[in-house]
């Protein structure tokens, strides 16, 4: 597991590649897909982080979400100040605040 820095860009360089990954689905305990993160510009940073959290924790529970917020670094403060601006970070806040644990489903390219 990485020790996150205060820079999202630096943290991304420490995480595994998303080569060959088309998308991730985040699924609640009822089986409903609550979010999809695709491998496309503007979403790839989140895809890298969620793939990493899946590899390290198996699911997005409060511990994984807390670590994920540290990995998102400076974007976490912005997300807290502007709810809705960073929906993939907002999901982590939700898990920490008591929303359901999320299963991560990976889909290859």
C-alpha atoms as a PDB file:
ATOM      1  CA  UNK A   1       0.000   0.000   0.000  1.00  0.00           C
ATOM      2  CA  UNK A   2       1.325   3.442  -0.851  1.00  0.00           C
ATOM      3  CA  UNK A   3       1.897   6.296   1.584  1.00  0.00           C
ATOM      4  CA  UNK A   4      -0.028   9.109  -0.128  1.00  0.00           C
ATOM      5  CA  UNK A   5       1.701  12.438  -0.675  1.00  0.00           C
ATOM      6  CA  UNK A   6      -0.025  15.820  -0.711  1.00  0.00           C
ATOM      7  CA  UNK A   7      -0.010  15.785  -4.540  1.00  0.00           C
ATOM      8  CA  UNK A   8      -2.565  13.853  -6.566  1.00  0.00           C
ATOM      9  CA  UNK A   9      -0.242  13.849  -9.580  1.00  0.00           C
ATOM     10  CA  UNK A  10       2.570  12.329  -7.517  1.00  0.00           C
ATOM     11  CA  UNK A  11       0.213   9.753  -6.013  1.00  0.00           C
ATOM     12  CA  UNK A  12      -0.954   8.647  -9.466  1.00  0.00           C
ATOM     13  CA  UNK A  13       2.642   7.884 -10.406  1.00  0.00           C
ATOM     14  CA  UNK A  14       2.816   5.433  -7.475  1.00  0.00           C
ATOM     15  CA  UNK A  15      -0.264   3.458  -8.546  1.00  0.00           C
ATOM     16  CA  UNK A  16      -0.633   0.538 -10.983  1.00  0.00           C
ATOM     17  CA  UNK A  17      -1.371   1.158 -14.641  1.00  0.00           C
ATOM     18  CA  UNK A  18      -4.921   1.029 -15.981  1.00  0.00           C
ATOM     19  CA  UNK A  19      -3.741  -0.263 -19.351  1.00  0.00           C
ATOM     20  CA  UNK A  20      -6.283  -2.763 -20.611  1.00  0.00           C
ATOM     21  CA  UNK A  21      -9.017  -1.484 -18.284  1.00  0.00           C
ATOM     22  CA  UNK A  22     -12.104  -0.105 -20.047  1.00  0.00           C
ATOM     23  CA  UNK A  23     -14.201   0.840 -17.035  1.00  0.00           C
ATOM     24  CA  UNK A  24     -15.131   0.182 -13.432  1.00  0.00           C
ATOM     25  CA  UNK A  25     -18.604  -0.180 -12.027  1.00  0.00           C
ATOM     26  CA  UNK A  26     -19.314   0.557  -8.371  1.00  0.00           C
ATOM     27  CA  UNK A  27     -22.137  -1.613  -7.082  1.00  0.00           C
ATOM     28  CA  UNK A  28     -24.144  -1.357  -3.862  1.00  0.00           C
ATOM     29  CA  UNK A  29     -25.234  -4.405  -1.807  1.00  0.00           C
ATOM     30  CA  UNK A  30     -28.553  -4.626  -3.713  1.00  0.00           C
ATOM     31  CA  UNK A  31     -26.650  -5.080  -6.984  1.00  0.00           C
ATOM     32  CA  UNK A  32     -27.448  -1.613  -8.296  1.00  0.00           C
ATOM     33  CA  UNK A  33     -24.677   0.140 -10.202  1.00  0.00           C
ATOM     34  CA  UNK A  34     -24.231   3.470  -8.411  1.00  0.00           C
ATOM     35  CA  UNK A  35     -21.395   4.758 -10.612  1.00  0.00           C
ATOM     36  CA  UNK A  36     -19.410   3.907 -13.713  1.00  0.00           C
ATOM     37  CA  UNK A  37     -15.915   5.291 -14.282  1.00  0.00           C
ATOM     38  CA  UNK A  38     -14.706   4.950 -17.865  1.00  0.00           C
ATOM     39  CA  UNK A  39     -11.184   4.987 -19.208  1.00  0.00           C
ATOM     40  CA  UNK A  40     -11.390   8.331 -20.953  1.00  0.00           C
ATOM     41  CA  UNK A  41      -9.797  11.751 -20.477  1.00  0.00           C
ATOM     42  CA  UNK A  42     -10.982  13.513 -17.352  1.00  0.00           C
ATOM     43  CA  UNK A  43     -11.855  10.223 -15.637  1.00  0.00           C
ATOM     44  CA  UNK A  44      -8.576   8.307 -15.782  1.00  0.00           C
ATOM     45  CA  UNK A  45      -7.271   9.603 -12.452  1.00  0.00           C
ATOM     46  CA  UNK A  46     -10.363   8.311 -10.673  1.00  0.00           C
ATOM     47  CA  UNK A  47     -10.110   5.038 -12.574  1.00  0.00           C
ATOM     48  CA  UNK A  48      -6.516   4.596 -11.393  1.00  0.00           C
ATOM     49  CA  UNK A  49      -7.490   5.304  -7.768  1.00  0.00           C
ATOM     50  CA  UNK A  50     -10.528   3.016  -7.700  1.00  0.00           C
ATOM     51  CA  UNK A  51      -8.636   0.162  -9.375  1.00  0.00           C
ATOM     52  CA  UNK A  52      -5.910   0.562  -6.749  1.00  0.00           C
ATOM     53  CA  UNK A  53      -8.441   0.622  -3.884  1.00  0.00           C
ATOM     54  CA  UNK A  54     -10.008  -2.543  -5.275  1.00  0.00           C
ATOM     55  CA  UNK A  55      -6.609  -4.244  -5.408  1.00  0.00           C
ATOM     56  CA  UNK A  56      -5.667  -3.182  -1.875  1.00  0.00           C
ATOM     57  CA  UNK A  57      -8.998  -3.516  -0.049  1.00  0.00           C
ATOM     58  CA  UNK A  58     -11.249  -5.706  -2.227  1.00  0.00           C
ATOM     59  CA  UNK A  59     -14.208  -3.330  -1.794  1.00  0.00           C
ATOM     60  CA  UNK A  60     -14.808   0.303  -0.974  1.00  0.00           C
ATOM     61  CA  UNK A  61     -15.494   0.299   2.750  1.00  0.00           C
ATOM     62  CA  UNK A  62     -14.767   3.120   5.227  1.00  0.00           C
ATOM     63  CA  UNK A  63     -11.075   2.180   5.499  1.00  0.00           C
ATOM     64  CA  UNK A  64     -10.634   2.084   1.712  1.00  0.00           C
ATOM     65  CA  UNK A  65     -12.567   5.336   1.310  1.00  0.00           C
ATOM     66  CA  UNK A  66     -10.416   7.110   3.899  1.00  0.00           C
ATOM     67  CA  UNK A  67      -7.257   5.962   2.125  1.00  0.00           C
ATOM     68  CA  UNK A  68      -8.759   6.974  -1.226  1.00  0.00           C
ATOM     69  CA  UNK A  69      -9.406  10.507   0.029  1.00  0.00           C
ATOM     70  CA  UNK A  70      -5.731  10.747   1.016  1.00  0.00           C
ATOM     71  CA  UNK A  71      -4.723   9.568  -2.470  1.00  0.00           C
ATOM     72  CA  UNK A  72      -6.943  12.192  -4.112  1.00  0.00           C
ATOM     73  CA  UNK A  73      -4.894  14.712  -2.067  1.00  0.00           C
ATOM     74  CA  UNK A  74      -5.673  18.344  -2.935  1.00  0.00           C
ATOM     75  CA  UNK A  75      -8.808  17.327  -4.855  1.00  0.00           C
ATOM     76  CA  UNK A  76     -10.364  16.059  -1.615  1.00  0.00           C
ATOM     77  CA  UNK A  77     -10.471  19.556  -0.076  1.00  0.00           C
ATOM     78  CA  UNK A  78     -11.957  20.951  -3.283  1.00  0.00           C
ATOM     79  CA  UNK A  79     -14.609  18.223  -3.314  1.00  0.00           C
ATOM     80  CA  UNK A  80     -15.512  18.981   0.302  1.00  0.00           C
ATOM     81  CA  UNK A  81     -15.825  22.688  -0.503  1.00  0.00           C
ATOM     82  CA  UNK A  82     -17.830  22.085  -3.693  1.00  0.00           C
ATOM     83  CA  UNK A  83     -20.152  19.065  -3.308  1.00  0.00           C
ATOM     84  CA  UNK A  84     -21.016  17.597  -6.687  1.00  0.00           C
ATOM     85  CA  UNK A  85     -17.907  18.941  -8.432  1.00  0.00           C
ATOM     86  CA  UNK A  86     -16.038  15.648  -7.922  1.00  0.00           C
ATOM     87  CA  UNK A  87     -18.652  12.862  -7.871  1.00  0.00           C
ATOM     88  CA  UNK A  88     -16.098  10.059  -7.594  1.00  0.00           C
ATOM     89  CA  UNK A  89     -14.677  11.663  -4.447  1.00  0.00           C
ATOM     90  CA  UNK A  90     -18.202  12.356  -3.151  1.00  0.00           C
ATOM     91  CA  UNK A  91     -18.827   8.587  -3.267  1.00  0.00           C
ATOM     92  CA  UNK A  92     -15.929   8.084  -0.855  1.00  0.00           C
ATOM     93  CA  UNK A  93     -17.332  10.719   1.522  1.00  0.00           C
ATOM     94  CA  UNK A  94     -20.663   8.879   1.373  1.00  0.00           C
ATOM     95  CA  UNK A  95     -19.127   5.535   2.319  1.00  0.00           C
ATOM     96  CA  UNK A  96     -17.328   7.109   5.273  1.00  0.00           C
ATOM     97  CA  UNK A  97     -20.558   8.794   6.387  1.00  0.00           C
ATOM     98  CA  UNK A  98     -22.419   5.484   6.451  1.00  0.00           C
ATOM     99  CA  UNK A  99     -23.478   4.724   2.886  1.00  0.00           C
ATOM    100  CA  UNK A 100     -23.193   1.083   1.862  1.00  0.00           C
ATOM    101  CA  UNK A 101     -19.903  -0.620   1.104  1.00  0.00           C
ATOM    102  CA  UNK A 102     -19.356  -0.663  -2.662  1.00  0.00           C
ATOM    103  CA  UNK A 103     -18.251  -3.624  -4.719  1.00  0.00           C
ATOM    104  CA  UNK A 104     -15.855  -2.798  -7.562  1.00  0.00           C
ATOM    105  CA  UNK A 105     -16.307  -4.547 -10.909  1.00  0.00           C
ATOM    106  CA  UNK A 106     -13.501  -4.261 -13.459  1.00  0.00           C
ATOM    107  CA  UNK A 107     -14.087  -4.490 -17.206  1.00  0.00           C
ATOM    108  CA  UNK A 108     -11.260  -5.029 -19.656  1.00  0.00           C
ATOM    109  CA  UNK A 109     -10.859  -3.149 -22.908  1.00  0.00           C
END
